[in-house]
PDB file of N, CA and C in Angstrom:
ATOM      1  N   MET A   1      16.661   1.191   4.777  1.00  0.00           N
ATOM      2  CA  MET A   1      16.279   2.203   3.806  1.00  0.00           C
ATOM      3  C   MET A   1      15.654   3.337   4.707  1.00  0.00           C
ATOM      4  N   THR A   2      16.003   4.605   4.255  1.00  0.00           N
ATOM      5  CA  THR A   2      15.238   5.938   4.628  1.00  0.00           C
ATOM      6  C   THR A   2      14.093   6.264   3.728  1.00  0.00           C
ATOM      7  N   SER A   3      12.758   7.044   4.237  1.00  0.00           N
ATOM      8  CA  SER A   3      11.672   7.121   3.435  1.00  0.00           C
ATOM      9  C   SER A   3      11.864   7.989   2.572  1.00  0.00           C
ATOM     10  N   LEU A   4      11.757   8.593   1.497  1.00  0.00           N
ATOM     11  CA  LEU A   4      11.916   9.320   0.470  1.00  0.00           C
ATOM     12  C   LEU A   4      11.080  10.556   0.628  1.00  0.00           C
ATOM     13  N   PRO A   5      11.117  11.970   0.618  1.00  0.00           N
ATOM     14  CA  PRO A   5      10.722  13.185   1.089  1.00  0.00           C
ATOM     15  C   PRO A   5       9.796  13.290  -0.226  1.00  0.00           C
ATOM     16  N   ALA A   6       8.493  13.558   0.380  1.00  0.00           N
ATOM     17  CA  ALA A   6       7.567  14.203  -0.916  1.00  0.00           C
ATOM     18  C   ALA A   6       7.297  15.342  -0.261  1.00  0.00           C
ATOM     19  N   PRO A   7       6.705  16.330  -1.206  1.00  0.00           N
ATOM     20  CA  PRO A   7       6.412  17.568  -1.186  1.00  0.00           C
ATOM     21  C   PRO A   7       5.182  17.517   0.069  1.00  0.00           C
ATOM     22  N   ASP A   8       4.393  16.786  -0.146  1.00  0.00           N
ATOM     23  CA  ASP A   8       2.724  16.957   0.171  1.00  0.00           C
ATOM     24  C   ASP A   8       2.458  15.138   0.350  1.00  0.00           C
ATOM     25  N   PRO A   9       1.716  15.214   1.271  1.00  0.00           N
ATOM     26  CA  PRO A   9       0.857  14.013   1.367  1.00  0.00           C
ATOM     27  C   PRO A   9       0.170  13.425   0.406  1.00  0.00           C
ATOM     28  N   GLU A  10      -0.336  14.037  -0.428  1.00  0.00           N
ATOM     29  CA  GLU A  10      -0.921  13.571  -1.526  1.00  0.00           C
ATOM     30  C   GLU A  10      -0.111  13.049  -2.945  1.00  0.00           C
ATOM     31  N   GLN A  11       1.099  13.320  -3.151  1.00  0.00           N
ATOM     32  CA  GLN A  11       2.030  13.096  -3.600  1.00  0.00           C
ATOM     33  C   GLN A  11       2.862  11.523  -3.243  1.00  0.00           C
ATOM     34  N   ALA A  12       3.065  11.702  -2.034  1.00  0.00           N
ATOM     35  CA  ALA A  12       3.496  10.533  -1.299  1.00  0.00           C
ATOM     36  C   ALA A  12       2.622   9.187  -1.521  1.00  0.00           C
ATOM     37  N   LEU A  13       1.563   9.417  -1.470  1.00  0.00           N
ATOM     38  CA  LEU A  13       0.580   8.352  -1.590  1.00  0.00           C
ATOM     39  C   LEU A  13       0.443   7.870  -3.258  1.00  0.00           C
ATOM     40  N   ALA A  14       0.413   9.022  -4.032  1.00  0.00           N
ATOM     41  CA  ALA A  14       0.599   8.975  -5.164  1.00  0.00           C
ATOM     42  C   ALA A  14       1.953   7.772  -5.766  1.00  0.00           C
ATOM     43  N   ARG A  15       3.278   8.668  -4.989  1.00  0.00           N
ATOM     44  CA  ARG A  15       4.458   7.712  -5.811  1.00  0.00           C
ATOM     45  C   ARG A  15       4.109   5.932  -5.091  1.00  0.00           C
ATOM     46  N   TYR A  16       3.584   5.692  -3.871  1.00  0.00           N
ATOM     47  CA  TYR A  16       3.129   4.960  -3.383  1.00  0.00           C
ATOM     48  C   TYR A  16       2.277   3.868  -4.169  1.00  0.00           C
ATOM     49  N   GLU A  17       1.364   4.243  -4.529  1.00  0.00           N
ATOM     50  CA  GLU A  17       0.557   3.594  -5.493  1.00  0.00           C
ATOM     51  C   GLU A  17       0.766   3.310  -7.083  1.00  0.00           C
ATOM     52  N   ALA A  18       1.915   4.254  -7.617  1.00  0.00           N
ATOM     53  CA  ALA A  18       2.287   4.054  -8.758  1.00  0.00           C
ATOM     54  C   ALA A  18       3.469   2.941  -8.599  1.00  0.00           C
ATOM     55  N   ALA A  19       4.346   2.841  -7.489  1.00  0.00           N
ATOM     56  CA  ALA A  19       5.057   1.889  -7.321  1.00  0.00           C
ATOM     57  C   ALA A  19       4.713   0.494  -7.155  1.00  0.00           C
ATOM     58  N   LEU A  20       3.332   0.223  -6.640  1.00  0.00           N
ATOM     59  CA  LEU A  20       2.831  -1.179  -6.109  1.00  0.00           C
ATOM     60  C   LEU A  20       2.812  -2.345  -7.461  1.00  0.00           C
ATOM     61  N   PRO A  21       2.414  -1.784  -8.575  1.00  0.00           N
ATOM     62  CA  PRO A  21       2.101  -3.026  -9.632  1.00  0.00           C
ATOM     63  C   PRO A  21       3.672  -3.754  -9.991  1.00  0.00           C
ATOM     64  N   SER A  22       4.804  -3.217  -9.469  1.00  0.00           N
ATOM     65  CA  SER A  22       5.923  -3.390 -10.059  1.00  0.00           C
ATOM     66  C   SER A  22       6.035  -4.366  -8.990  1.00  0.00           C
ATOM     67  N   LYS A  23       5.751  -4.491  -7.760  1.00  0.00           N
ATOM     68  CA  LYS A  23       6.057  -5.780  -6.920  1.00  0.00           C
ATOM     69  C   LYS A  23       7.713  -5.652  -6.431  1.00  0.00           C
ATOM     70  N   ASP A  24       7.981  -4.523  -6.365  1.00  0.00           N
ATOM     71  CA  ASP A  24       9.370  -4.555  -6.024  1.00  0.00           C
ATOM     72  C   ASP A  24       9.696  -4.015  -4.983  1.00  0.00           C
ATOM     73  N   LEU A  25      10.222  -4.525  -4.065  1.00  0.00           N
ATOM     74  CA  LEU A  25      10.176  -4.312  -2.650  1.00  0.00           C
ATOM     75  C   LEU A  25      11.409  -3.373  -2.465  1.00  0.00           C
ATOM     76  N   GLU A  26      12.291  -3.131  -3.350  1.00  0.00           N
ATOM     77  CA  GLU A  26      13.159  -2.364  -3.432  1.00  0.00           C
ATOM     78  C   GLU A  26      12.766  -0.522  -3.736  1.00  0.00           C
ATOM     79  N   ILE A  27      11.680  -0.380  -4.516  1.00  0.00           N
ATOM     80  CA  ILE A  27      11.077   0.349  -5.052  1.00  0.00           C
ATOM     81  C   ILE A  27       9.933   0.713  -4.114  1.00  0.00           C
ATOM     82  N   ILE A  28       9.369  -0.105  -3.519  1.00  0.00           N
ATOM     83  CA  ILE A  28       8.100   0.285  -2.849  1.00  0.00           C
ATOM     84  C   ILE A  28       8.522   0.457  -1.322  1.00  0.00           C
ATOM     85  N   GLU A  29       9.423  -0.250  -0.927  1.00  0.00           N
ATOM     86  CA  GLU A  29       9.953  -0.019   0.765  1.00  0.00           C
ATOM     87  C   GLU A  29      10.180   1.416   1.225  1.00  0.00           C
ATOM     88  N   PRO A  30      11.109   2.042   0.329  1.00  0.00           N
ATOM     89  CA  PRO A  30      11.188   3.584   0.784  1.00  0.00           C
ATOM     90  C   PRO A  30      10.226   4.440   0.585  1.00  0.00           C
ATOM     91  N   LEU A  31       9.310   3.897   0.531  1.00  0.00           N
ATOM     92  CA  LEU A  31       8.061   4.860  -0.110  1.00  0.00           C
ATOM     93  C   LEU A  31       7.374   4.712   1.323  1.00  0.00           C
ATOM     94  N   ILE A  32       7.624   3.374   2.368  1.00  0.00           N
ATOM     95  CA  ILE A  32       6.882   3.260   3.384  1.00  0.00           C
ATOM     96  C   ILE A  32       7.582   4.001   4.858  1.00  0.00           C
ATOM     97  N   ASP A  33       6.622   4.735   5.654  1.00  0.00           N
ATOM     98  CA  ASP A  33       7.573   5.763   6.811  1.00  0.00           C
ATOM     99  C   ASP A  33       8.070   4.079   7.689  1.00  0.00           C
ATOM    100  N   ALA A  34       9.101   4.217   8.613  1.00  0.00           N
ATOM    101  CA  ALA A  34       9.435   3.277   9.076  1.00  0.00           C
ATOM    102  C   ALA A  34       8.337   2.890  10.241  1.00  0.00           C
ATOM    103  N   ASP A  35       7.507   4.146  10.696  1.00  0.00           N
ATOM    104  CA  ASP A  35       6.354   3.899  11.873  1.00  0.00           C
ATOM    105  C   ASP A  35       5.225   3.600  11.209  1.00  0.00           C
ATOM    106  N   ALA A  36       5.199   3.241  10.002  1.00  0.00           N
ATOM    107  CA  ALA A  36       3.815   3.219   9.171  1.00  0.00           C
ATOM    108  C   ALA A  36       2.684   1.826   9.920  1.00  0.00           C
ATOM    109  N   CYS A  37       1.570   1.745   9.605  1.00  0.00           N
ATOM    110  CA  CYS A  37       0.822   0.989  10.128  1.00  0.00           C
ATOM    111  C   CYS A  37      -0.280   0.750   9.118  1.00  0.00           C
ATOM    112  N   PHE A  38      -0.202  -0.898   8.342  1.00  0.00           N
ATOM    113  CA  PHE A  38      -0.722  -0.791   7.372  1.00  0.00           C
ATOM    114  C   PHE A  38      -1.729  -2.159   7.649  1.00  0.00           C
ATOM    115  N   VAL A  39      -2.918  -1.881   7.295  1.00  0.00           N
ATOM    116  CA  VAL A  39      -3.759  -3.717   7.814  1.00  0.00           C
ATOM    117  C   VAL A  39      -4.082  -4.199   6.555  1.00  0.00           C
ATOM    118  N   PHE A  40      -3.959  -5.513   6.497  1.00  0.00           N
ATOM    119  CA  PHE A  40      -4.014  -6.605   5.703  1.00  0.00           C
ATOM    120  C   PHE A  40      -5.226  -7.228   5.961  1.00  0.00           C
ATOM    121  N   SER A  41      -5.802  -8.208   5.220  1.00  0.00           N
ATOM    122  CA  SER A  41      -6.618  -9.288   5.229  1.00  0.00           C
ATOM    123  C   SER A  41      -6.055 -10.326   6.826  1.00  0.00           C
ATOM    124  N   GLU A  42      -4.790 -10.255   6.438  1.00  0.00           N
ATOM    125  CA  GLU A  42      -4.618 -11.233   7.723  1.00  0.00           C
ATOM    126  C   GLU A  42      -4.131 -10.399   9.088  1.00  0.00           C
ATOM    127  N   GLY A  43      -4.019  -9.345   8.903  1.00  0.00           N
ATOM    128  CA  GLY A  43      -3.658  -8.608  10.159  1.00  0.00           C
ATOM    129  C   GLY A  43      -3.360  -6.986  10.041  1.00  0.00           C
ATOM    130  N   THR A  44      -2.866  -6.719  11.121  1.00  0.00           N
ATOM    131  CA  THR A  44      -2.137  -5.358  11.084  1.00  0.00           C
ATOM    132  C   THR A  44      -0.721  -5.408  11.371  1.00  0.00           C
ATOM    133  N   CYS A  45      -0.018  -4.676  10.876  1.00  0.00           N
ATOM    134  CA  CYS A  45       1.450  -4.166  10.746  1.00  0.00           C
ATOM    135  C   CYS A  45       1.683  -2.778  11.134  1.00  0.00           C
ATOM    136  N   PHE A  46       2.576  -2.943  12.057  1.00  0.00           N
ATOM    137  CA  PHE A  46       2.874  -1.740  12.819  1.00  0.00           C
ATOM    138  C   PHE A  46       3.877  -0.995  12.446  1.00  0.00           C
ATOM    139  N   ASP A  47       5.191  -1.590  11.493  1.00  0.00           N
ATOM    140  CA  ASP A  47       6.360  -1.319  11.100  1.00  0.00           C
ATOM    141  C   ASP A  47       6.507  -1.926   9.995  1.00  0.00           C
ATOM    142  N   ARG A  48       7.863  -0.863   9.450  1.00  0.00           N
ATOM    143  CA  ARG A  48       7.951  -1.442   7.952  1.00  0.00           C
ATOM    144  C   ARG A  48       8.465  -2.531   7.575  1.00  0.00           C
ATOM    145  N   GLU A  49       9.127  -3.298   8.730  1.00  0.00           N
ATOM    146  CA  GLU A  49       9.727  -4.694   8.410  1.00  0.00           C
ATOM    147  C   GLU A  49       8.405  -5.564   8.500  1.00  0.00           C
ATOM    148  N   ALA A  50       7.742  -5.430   9.305  1.00  0.00           N
ATOM    149  CA  ALA A  50       6.314  -6.157   9.178  1.00  0.00           C
ATOM    150  C   ALA A  50       5.351  -6.258   7.899  1.00  0.00           C
ATOM    151  N   ILE A  51       5.325  -4.718   7.798  1.00  0.00           N
ATOM    152  CA  ILE A  51       4.309  -4.492   6.456  1.00  0.00           C
ATOM    153  C   ILE A  51       5.562  -5.044   5.139  1.00  0.00           C
ATOM    154  N   LYS A  52       6.623  -5.086   4.944  1.00  0.00           N
ATOM    155  CA  LYS A  52       7.217  -5.529   3.994  1.00  0.00           C
ATOM    156  C   LYS A  52       7.347  -7.606   3.968  1.00  0.00           C
ATOM    157  N   GLY A  53       7.009  -8.190   5.207  1.00  0.00           N
ATOM    158  CA  GLY A  53       6.777  -9.214   5.109  1.00  0.00           C
ATOM    159  C   GLY A  53       5.710  -9.674   4.596  1.00  0.00           C
ATOM    160  N   ALA A  54       4.527  -8.794   5.353  1.00  0.00           N
ATOM    161  CA  ALA A  54       3.311  -9.259   4.685  1.00  0.00           C
ATOM    162  C   ALA A  54       2.941  -9.123   2.853  1.00  0.00           C
ATOM    163  N   MET A  55       3.713  -8.269   2.054  1.00  0.00           N
ATOM    164  CA  MET A  55       3.849  -7.621   1.324  1.00  0.00           C
ATOM    165  C   MET A  55       4.651  -8.814   0.381  1.00  0.00           C
ATOM    166  N   GLN A  56       5.528  -9.338   0.721  1.00  0.00           N
ATOM    167  CA  GLN A  56       6.448 -10.269   0.295  1.00  0.00           C
ATOM    168  C   GLN A  56       5.516 -11.416   0.103  1.00  0.00           C
ATOM    169  N   ARG A  57       4.770 -11.911   0.946  1.00  0.00           N
ATOM    170  CA  ARG A  57       3.945 -13.394   1.061  1.00  0.00           C
ATOM    171  C   ARG A  57       2.668 -13.126  -0.029  1.00  0.00           C
ATOM    172  N   THR A  58       2.131 -12.060  -0.036  1.00  0.00           N
ATOM    173  CA  THR A  58       1.063 -11.527  -0.788  1.00  0.00           C
ATOM    174  C   THR A  58       1.435 -11.680  -2.500  1.00  0.00           C
ATOM    175  N   PHE A  59       3.056 -10.765  -2.659  1.00  0.00           N
ATOM    176  CA  PHE A  59       3.075 -10.871  -4.156  1.00  0.00           C
ATOM    177  C   PHE A  59       3.685 -12.136  -4.503  1.00  0.00           C
ATOM    178  N   ALA A  60       3.997 -13.099  -3.539  1.00  0.00           N
ATOM    179  CA  ALA A  60       3.904 -14.716  -4.075  1.00  0.00           C
ATOM    180  C   ALA A  60       3.200 -15.533  -4.352  1.00  0.00           C
ATOM    181  N   THR A  61       1.700 -15.010  -3.997  1.00  0.00           N
ATOM    182  CA  THR A  61       0.571 -16.031  -4.379  1.00  0.00           C
ATOM    183  C   THR A  61      -0.110 -15.198  -5.459  1.00  0.00           C
ATOM    184  N   ILE A  62      -0.005 -14.086  -5.778  1.00  0.00           N
ATOM    185  CA  ILE A  62      -0.860 -13.414  -6.641  1.00  0.00           C
ATOM    186  C   ILE A  62      -0.258 -12.973  -8.115  1.00  0.00           C
ATOM    187  N   GLU A  63      -0.893 -12.981  -9.079  1.00  0.00           N
ATOM    188  CA  GLU A  63      -0.660 -12.666 -10.436  1.00  0.00           C
ATOM    189  C   GLU A  63      -1.097 -11.785 -11.213  1.00  0.00           C
ATOM    190  N   GLU A  64      -0.852 -11.052 -12.364  1.00  0.00           N
ATOM    191  CA  GLU A  64      -1.368 -10.337 -12.847  1.00  0.00           C
ATOM    192  C   GLU A  64      -2.573  -9.137 -12.212  1.00  0.00           C
ATOM    193  N   ASP A  65      -2.129  -8.777 -10.666  1.00  0.00           N
ATOM    194  CA  ASP A  65      -2.507  -8.275 -10.039  1.00  0.00           C
ATOM    195  C   ASP A  65      -2.913  -6.692 -10.387  1.00  0.00           C
ATOM    196  N   ILE A  66      -4.171  -6.074  -9.994  1.00  0.00           N
ATOM    197  CA  ILE A  66      -4.490  -4.418 -10.193  1.00  0.00           C
ATOM    198  C   ILE A  66      -5.277  -4.257  -8.856  1.00  0.00           C
ATOM    199  N   PHE A  67      -4.676  -3.127  -8.536  1.00  0.00           N
ATOM    200  CA  PHE A  67      -5.131  -2.491  -6.849  1.00  0.00           C
ATOM    201  C   PHE A  67      -5.177  -1.126  -7.618  1.00  0.00           C
ATOM    202  N   GLN A  68      -6.487  -0.418  -7.373  1.00  0.00           N
ATOM    203  CA  GLN A  68      -6.618   0.725  -7.508  1.00  0.00           C
ATOM    204  C   GLN A  68      -7.527   1.574  -6.266  1.00  0.00           C
ATOM    205  N   MET A  69      -7.033   2.995  -5.792  1.00  0.00           N
ATOM    206  CA  MET A  69      -7.551   3.686  -4.950  1.00  0.00           C
ATOM    207  C   MET A  69      -8.183   4.787  -5.371  1.00  0.00           C
ATOM    208  N   ASN A  70      -9.356   4.809  -4.773  1.00  0.00           N
ATOM    209  CA  ASN A  70      -9.954   5.998  -5.270  1.00  0.00           C
ATOM    210  C   ASN A  70     -11.019   6.707  -3.889  1.00  0.00           C
ATOM    211  N   ASP A  71     -11.533   7.623  -4.563  1.00  0.00           N
ATOM    212  CA  ASP A  71     -12.353   8.181  -3.053  1.00  0.00           C
ATOM    213  C   ASP A  71     -11.441   8.600  -1.944  1.00  0.00           C
ATOM    214  N   ILE A  72     -10.507   9.347  -2.058  1.00  0.00           N
ATOM    215  CA  ILE A  72      -9.377   9.577  -1.111  1.00  0.00           C
ATOM    216  C   ILE A  72      -9.799  11.026  -0.137  1.00  0.00           C
ATOM    217  N   ARG A  73     -10.200  10.569   1.049  1.00  0.00           N
ATOM    218  CA  ARG A  73     -10.399  11.479   2.153  1.00  0.00           C
ATOM    219  C   ARG A  73      -9.275  11.772   2.919  1.00  0.00           C
ATOM    220  N   TRP A  74      -8.734  13.003   3.001  1.00  0.00           N
ATOM    221  CA  TRP A  74      -7.605  13.481   4.228  1.00  0.00           C
ATOM    222  C   TRP A  74      -8.307  13.723   5.326  1.00  0.00           C
ATOM    223  N   ILE A  75      -7.978  13.179   6.470  1.00  0.00           N
ATOM    224  CA  ILE A  75      -8.445  13.129   7.951  1.00  0.00           C
ATOM    225  C   ILE A  75      -7.632  14.348   8.523  1.00  0.00           C
ATOM    226  N   HIS A  76      -6.400  14.071   8.130  1.00  0.00           N
ATOM    227  CA  HIS A  76      -5.382  14.968   8.987  1.00  0.00           C
ATOM    228  C   HIS A  76      -4.062  14.713   8.208  1.00  0.00           C
ATOM    229  N   ARG A  77      -3.376  16.038   8.221  1.00  0.00           N
ATOM    230  CA  ARG A  77      -2.336  16.615   7.566  1.00  0.00           C
ATOM    231  C   ARG A  77      -1.310  17.577   8.644  1.00  0.00           C
ATOM    232  N   SER A  78      -0.485  17.344   8.424  1.00  0.00           N
ATOM    233  CA  SER A  78       1.128  18.099   9.238  1.00  0.00           C
ATOM    234  C   SER A  78       2.018  17.862   8.545  1.00  0.00           C
ATOM    235  N   THR A  79       2.810  18.454   9.138  1.00  0.00           N
ATOM    236  CA  THR A  79       4.388  18.406   8.477  1.00  0.00           C
ATOM    237  C   THR A  79       4.961  16.756   8.545  1.00  0.00           C
ATOM    238  N   LYS A  80       4.331  16.119   9.625  1.00  0.00           N
ATOM    239  CA  LYS A  80       5.184  15.250  10.115  1.00  0.00           C
ATOM    240  C   LYS A  80       4.171  13.611  10.013  1.00  0.00           C
ATOM    241  N   THR A  81       2.872  13.907   9.704  1.00  0.00           N
ATOM    242  CA  THR A  81       1.950  12.994   9.705  1.00  0.00           C
ATOM    243  C   THR A  81       0.761  13.334   8.835  1.00  0.00           C
ATOM    244  N   ALA A  82       0.235  12.140   8.055  1.00  0.00           N
ATOM    245  CA  ALA A  82      -1.056  12.724   7.407  1.00  0.00           C
ATOM    246  C   ALA A  82      -1.489  11.081   7.718  1.00  0.00           C
ATOM    247  N   LEU A  83      -3.049  11.094   7.231  1.00  0.00           N
ATOM    248  CA  LEU A  83      -3.861  10.203   7.787  1.00  0.00           C
ATOM    249  C   LEU A  83      -5.101  10.418   6.386  1.00  0.00           C
ATOM    250  N   CYS A  84      -5.622   9.127   5.801  1.00  0.00           N
ATOM    251  CA  CYS A  84      -6.319   9.317   4.670  1.00  0.00           C
ATOM    252  C   CYS A  84      -7.237   8.274   5.004  1.00  0.00           C
ATOM    253  N   THR A  85      -8.346   8.281   4.208  1.00  0.00           N
ATOM    254  CA  THR A  85      -9.619   6.968   3.975  1.00  0.00           C
ATOM    255  C   THR A  85      -9.450   7.194   2.658  1.00  0.00           C
ATOM    256  N   PHE A  86      -9.669   5.946   2.171  1.00  0.00           N
ATOM    257  CA  PHE A  86      -9.936   5.467   1.060  1.00  0.00           C
ATOM    258  C   PHE A  86     -10.666   4.359   0.493  1.00  0.00           C
ATOM    259  N   MET A  87     -11.374   4.004  -0.930  1.00  0.00           N
ATOM    260  CA  MET A  87     -11.785   2.759  -1.285  1.00  0.00           C
ATOM    261  C   MET A  87     -11.073   2.357  -1.952  1.00  0.00           C
ATOM    262  N   PHE A  88     -11.129   1.037  -2.287  1.00  0.00           N
ATOM    263  CA  PHE A  88      -9.983   0.412  -2.908  1.00  0.00           C
ATOM    264  C   PHE A  88     -10.780  -0.882  -4.141  1.00  0.00           C
ATOM    265  N   THR A  89     -10.207  -0.775  -5.273  1.00  0.00           N
ATOM    266  CA  THR A  89     -11.100  -1.997  -5.836  1.00  0.00           C
ATOM    267  C   THR A  89      -9.158  -3.252  -6.245  1.00  0.00           C
ATOM    268  N   TRP A  90      -9.298  -4.588  -6.326  1.00  0.00           N
ATOM    269  CA  TRP A  90      -8.411  -5.196  -6.703  1.00  0.00           C
ATOM    270  C   TRP A  90      -8.792  -6.310  -7.621  1.00  0.00           C
ATOM    271  N   SER A  91      -7.990  -6.981  -8.401  1.00  0.00           N
ATOM    272  CA  SER A  91      -8.267  -8.169  -9.237  1.00  0.00           C
ATOM    273  C   SER A  91      -7.058  -8.648  -9.155  1.00  0.00           C
ATOM    274  N   SER A  92      -6.728 -10.291  -9.045  1.00  0.00           N
ATOM    275  CA  SER A  92      -5.706 -10.900  -9.550  1.00  0.00           C
ATOM    276  C   SER A  92      -5.905 -12.502  -9.985  1.00  0.00           C
ATOM    277  N   LYS A  93      -4.641 -13.079 -10.110  1.00  0.00           N
ATOM    278  CA  LYS A  93      -5.263 -14.438 -10.185  1.00  0.00           C
ATOM    279  C   LYS A  93      -4.281 -15.357  -9.500  1.00  0.00           C
ATOM    280  N   SER A  94      -4.336 -16.469  -9.195  1.00  0.00           N
ATOM    281  CA  SER A  94      -3.467 -17.184  -8.190  1.00  0.00           C
ATOM    282  C   SER A  94      -4.008 -18.495  -8.447  1.00  0.00           C
ATOM    283  N   GLY A  95      -2.972 -19.636  -8.932  1.00  0.00           N
ATOM    284  CA  GLY A  95      -3.267 -20.774  -9.197  1.00  0.00           C
ATOM    285  C   GLY A  95      -4.240 -20.714 -10.448  1.00  0.00           C
ATOM    286  N   GLY A  96      -4.185 -20.127 -11.321  1.00  0.00           N
ATOM    287  CA  GLY A  96      -5.052 -19.996 -12.414  1.00  0.00           C
ATOM    288  C   GLY A  96      -6.337 -19.462 -12.369  1.00  0.00           C
ATOM    289  N   LEU A  97      -6.596 -19.128 -11.247  1.00  0.00           N
ATOM    290  CA  LEU A  97      -8.253 -18.776 -11.173  1.00  0.00           C
ATOM    291  C   LEU A  97      -8.113 -17.275 -10.691  1.00  0.00           C
ATOM    292  N   SER A  98      -9.362 -16.401 -11.099  1.00  0.00           N
ATOM    293  CA  SER A  98      -9.283 -14.957 -11.198  1.00  0.00           C
ATOM    294  C   SER A  98      -9.856 -14.935  -9.744  1.00  0.00           C
ATOM    295  N   PHE A  99      -9.753 -13.693  -9.074  1.00  0.00           N
ATOM    296  CA  PHE A  99     -10.193 -13.006  -7.787  1.00  0.00           C
ATOM    297  C   PHE A  99     -10.751 -11.633  -7.783  1.00  0.00           C
ATOM    298  N   SER A 100     -11.227 -11.071  -7.302  1.00  0.00           N
ATOM    299  CA  SER A 100     -11.670  -9.408  -6.999  1.00  0.00           C
ATOM    300  C   SER A 100     -12.727  -9.188  -6.058  1.00  0.00           C
ATOM    301  N   GLY A 101     -12.302  -7.708  -5.677  1.00  0.00           N
ATOM    302  CA  GLY A 101     -12.818  -7.629  -4.404  1.00  0.00           C
ATOM    303  C   GLY A 101     -12.921  -6.225  -4.336  1.00  0.00           C
ATOM    304  N   LYS A 102     -13.209  -5.284  -3.104  1.00  0.00           N
ATOM    305  CA  LYS A 102     -13.147  -4.100  -3.024  1.00  0.00           C
ATOM    306  C   LYS A 102     -13.157  -3.764  -1.282  1.00  0.00           C
ATOM    307  N   GLY A 103     -12.879  -2.868  -1.199  1.00  0.00           N
ATOM    308  CA  GLY A 103     -12.681  -2.263   0.271  1.00  0.00           C
ATOM    309  C   GLY A 103     -12.556  -1.165   0.784  1.00  0.00           C
ATOM    310  N   ARG A 104     -12.152  -0.819   2.052  1.00  0.00           N
ATOM    311  CA  ARG A 104     -12.062   0.658   2.327  1.00  0.00           C
ATOM    312  C   ARG A 104     -10.457   0.145   3.242  1.00  0.00           C
ATOM    313  N   GLY A 105      -9.792   1.460   3.049  1.00  0.00           N
ATOM    314  CA  GLY A 105      -8.374   1.404   3.812  1.00  0.00           C
ATOM    315  C   GLY A 105      -8.605   2.921   4.590  1.00  0.00           C
ATOM    316  N   LEU A 106      -7.599   2.867   5.402  1.00  0.00           N
ATOM    317  CA  LEU A 106      -7.194   3.830   6.363  1.00  0.00           C
ATOM    318  C   LEU A 106      -5.879   4.046   6.373  1.00  0.00           C
TER     319      LEU A 106
END
């Protein structure tokens, strides 16, 4: 799959955040660049396939999840790359138990 072009990084990030609740990797995967780097609790993934695998494992274990990003600050923007930091909150259920947390993303 190829990444869908977005007019600017803000719109690309908004599309990604809006797609996450679907847990549908057919929708989410095209929004992730082939050379993306994602940091998860269990480690860092350096390409789309590794990111997809981490998401599949996460989506298989959580229910009724909510993930929200806020305080987004853009560090770098160019025609080919963009980098931001953000705060996030999450809540979900797994095995009938409720969990929640917060953190910072890059």
